[in-house]
């Protein structure tokens, strides 16, 4: 799987869809990753009311578990 298109890095949502399509993980995992991307986007744009401390904790725990299950 490539991580670039025309010399530019793929967008996260494109790579997420490609990994699901390739069978690396299922649709439920793909949706979870999309939720993580949404939280990250809210934080990056200063939309702090979109999430709370518990959401951030679940995000961190989820990403850590993901990295253990799907090492690079």
Protein backbone atom coordinates (compact mmCIF):
# COMPACT_ATOMS: atom_id res chain seq x y z
CA UNK A 1 0.00 0.00 0.00
CA UNK A 2 1.29 3.43 -0.84
CA UNK A 3 1.24 6.33 1.56
CA UNK A 4 1.56 9.01 -1.11
CA UNK A 5 -0.31 10.10 -4.21
CA UNK A 6 1.54 12.12 -6.84
CA UNK A 7 4.35 12.70 -4.36
CA UNK A 8 2.04 14.09 -1.68
CA UNK A 9 1.11 12.25 1.53
CA UNK A 10 -2.32 10.63 1.50
CA UNK A 11 -4.95 12.20 3.68
CA UNK A 12 -5.77 10.25 6.82
CA UNK A 13 -9.33 9.44 5.73
CA UNK A 14 -8.07 8.07 2.40
CA UNK A 15 -5.46 5.91 4.10
CA UNK A 16 -8.05 4.71 6.61
CA UNK A 17 -10.39 3.65 3.79
CA UNK A 18 -7.51 1.95 1.96
CA UNK A 19 -6.55 -0.05 5.06
CA UNK A 20 -10.14 -1.19 5.56
CA UNK A 21 -10.44 -2.10 1.88
CA UNK A 22 -7.18 -4.08 2.08
CA UNK A 23 -8.60 -6.07 5.00
CA UNK A 24 -6.12 -4.77 7.56
CA UNK A 25 -9.07 -4.01 9.81
CA UNK A 26 -12.86 -4.07 9.65
CA UNK A 27 -15.50 -1.38 9.24
CA UNK A 28 -15.99 -0.96 12.98
CA UNK A 29 -12.30 -0.14 13.45
CA UNK A 30 -12.47 2.23 10.48
CA UNK A 31 -15.35 4.11 12.12
CA UNK A 32 -13.44 4.31 15.42
CA UNK A 33 -10.47 5.82 13.62
CA UNK A 34 -12.77 8.32 11.92
CA UNK A 35 -14.06 9.32 15.37
CA UNK A 36 -10.48 9.80 16.58
CA UNK A 37 -9.76 11.97 13.55
CA UNK A 38 -12.84 14.03 14.37
CA UNK A 39 -11.68 14.61 17.94
CA UNK A 40 -8.20 15.55 16.73
CA UNK A 41 -9.71 17.96 14.23
CA UNK A 42 -11.90 19.57 16.89
CA UNK A 43 -8.88 20.07 19.12
CA UNK A 44 -6.77 21.46 16.28
CA UNK A 45 -9.47 24.00 15.42
CA UNK A 46 -10.12 25.05 19.00
CA UNK A 47 -13.59 23.49 19.18
CA UNK A 48 -13.08 22.50 22.81
CA UNK A 49 -16.79 22.16 23.52
CA UNK A 50 -16.99 19.21 21.11
CA UNK A 51 -15.29 16.85 23.57
CA UNK A 52 -14.45 16.44 27.23
CA UNK A 53 -11.72 14.93 29.39
CA UNK A 54 -13.27 11.45 29.19
CA UNK A 55 -13.29 11.61 25.39
CA UNK A 56 -9.60 12.52 25.40
CA UNK A 57 -8.79 9.66 27.78
CA UNK A 58 -10.67 7.19 25.54
CA UNK A 59 -8.86 8.62 22.52
CA UNK A 60 -5.43 8.12 24.12
CA UNK A 61 -6.27 4.63 25.38
CA UNK A 62 -7.73 3.66 22.02
CA UNK A 63 -4.75 4.88 20.02
CA UNK A 64 -2.35 3.09 22.36
CA UNK A 65 -4.32 -0.17 22.01
CA UNK A 66 -4.43 0.30 18.24
CA UNK A 67 -0.65 0.72 18.07
CA UNK A 68 -0.16 -2.47 20.07
CA UNK A 69 -2.53 -4.44 17.83
CA UNK A 70 -1.30 -2.98 14.53
CA UNK A 71 2.42 -2.21 14.93
CA UNK A 72 4.11 -0.42 12.05
